Amino acid sequence: MTVQKQGTDELLGLDKFTVDEENAHIVLDKTACAVCNDKPCLVVCPAGLYKLNDKGEILFDYAGCLECGTCRIMCHQLKQWKYPTGTFGVSFRFG
């Protein structure tokens, strides 16, 4: 039997995300991000939601958030981190 490894995109595609477009549950302090040298968010997010653009600025989209809280612990540049409201957020389909 051959076991095939799946990449992050394939695994995240199994989950269902209901996004609250009007209330972001994670808000970055972009000014603080600009002077942050370590930028741990780029490596600790299991969903890979934090990226650098061509200008070296942090780009972030909370729509695919797994709600694990890793960025909340590792990043000191967050203005806000809370769980999504009510029926919004991630629904894991396969554990």
Protein backbone atom coordinates (compact mmCIF):
# COMPACT_ATOMS: atom_id res chain seq x y z
CA MET A 1 0.00 0.00 0.00
CA THR A 2 1.37 3.42 -0.98
CA VAL A 3 0.77 6.34 1.37
CA GLN A 4 0.51 9.68 -0.34
CA LYS A 5 1.38 12.86 1.58
CA GLN A 6 -0.98 15.78 1.23
CA GLY A 7 0.11 19.39 1.24
CA THR A 8 -1.31 22.16 3.41
CA ASP A 9 -3.69 23.40 0.72
CA GLU A 10 -5.19 19.95 0.18
CA LEU A 11 -5.64 19.36 3.90
CA LEU A 12 -7.17 22.79 4.51
CA GLY A 13 -9.51 22.16 1.60
CA LEU A 14 -11.18 19.44 3.67
CA ASP A 15 -12.31 21.98 6.27
CA LYS A 16 -15.23 24.38 5.98
CA PHE A 17 -14.72 28.07 6.77
CA THR A 18 -17.68 30.37 7.47
CA VAL A 19 -16.26 33.88 7.40
CA ASP A 20 -17.74 36.82 9.28
CA GLU A 21 -16.98 39.52 6.72
CA GLU A 22 -18.00 42.34 9.08
CA ASN A 23 -16.10 41.31 12.22
CA ALA A 24 -12.51 40.18 11.87
CA HIS A 25 -11.52 38.03 14.83
CA ILE A 26 -7.82 38.80 14.34
CA VAL A 27 -6.58 42.35 13.77
CA LEU A 28 -2.92 43.24 13.20
CA ASP A 29 -1.17 46.42 14.22
CA LYS A 30 0.41 47.15 10.82
CA THR A 31 2.61 49.91 12.27
CA ALA A 32 4.08 47.51 14.82
CA CYS A 33 4.44 44.80 12.15
CA ALA A 34 6.56 47.17 10.06
CA VAL A 35 9.19 47.47 12.79
CA CYS A 36 9.06 43.86 13.95
CA ASN A 37 12.36 42.19 13.09
CA ASP A 38 11.52 38.59 14.00
CA LYS A 39 8.15 38.24 12.23
CA PRO A 40 7.32 34.89 13.90
CA CYS A 41 3.88 34.94 12.27
CA LEU A 42 5.48 34.00 8.94
CA VAL A 43 6.61 30.62 10.26
CA VAL A 44 4.27 29.64 13.11
CA CYS A 45 0.84 29.81 11.45
CA PRO A 46 -0.08 26.24 10.45
CA ALA A 47 -2.42 27.58 7.74
CA GLY A 48 0.28 29.86 6.30
CA LEU A 49 -1.97 32.92 6.43
CA TYR A 50 0.79 35.45 7.10
CA LYS A 51 2.89 36.45 4.08
CA LEU A 52 5.26 39.24 3.03
CA ASN A 53 4.51 41.32 -0.05
CA ASP A 54 7.15 42.79 -2.38
CA LYS A 55 7.52 45.83 -0.10
CA GLY A 56 8.20 43.67 2.97
CA GLU A 57 4.78 44.36 4.50
CA ILE A 58 2.79 41.65 6.27
CA LEU A 59 -0.30 40.45 4.43
CA PHE A 60 -2.90 38.52 6.40
CA ASP A 61 -6.31 37.04 5.65
CA TYR A 62 -8.23 35.65 8.62
CA ALA A 63 -10.65 33.77 6.33
CA GLY A 64 -8.67 30.50 6.51
CA CYS A 65 -7.84 30.71 10.22
CA LEU A 66 -7.75 27.40 12.11
CA GLU A 67 -8.34 29.22 15.43
CA CYS A 68 -5.37 27.47 17.04
CA GLY A 69 -4.11 30.60 18.81
CA THR A 70 -0.48 30.13 17.82
CA CYS A 71 -0.18 33.67 16.46
CA ARG A 72 -1.79 35.01 19.63
CA ILE A 73 1.02 33.51 21.68
CA MET A 74 3.94 34.16 19.31
CA CYS A 75 3.09 37.57 17.85
CA HIS A 76 3.10 40.69 19.99
CA GLN A 77 1.80 42.90 17.18
CA LEU A 78 -1.84 41.81 17.35
CA LYS A 79 -4.43 44.42 18.26
CA GLN A 80 -7.05 41.72 18.70
CA TRP A 81 -7.38 37.95 18.79
CA LYS A 82 -10.68 36.34 19.73
CA TYR A 83 -12.70 33.38 18.58
CA PRO A 84 -15.15 34.09 15.76
CA THR A 85 -18.70 34.95 16.72
CA GLY A 86 -21.40 32.28 16.94
CA THR A 87 -21.66 30.09 13.87
CA PHE A 88 -18.63 31.60 12.14
CA GLY A 89 -15.13 30.14 11.90
CA VAL A 90 -13.69 26.77 10.98
CA SER A 91 -15.56 23.46 10.93
CA PHE A 92 -13.15 20.53 10.83
CA ARG A 93 -14.45 17.72 8.63
CA PHE A 94 -11.94 14.97 9.41
CA GLY A 95 -10.66 15.46 12.96
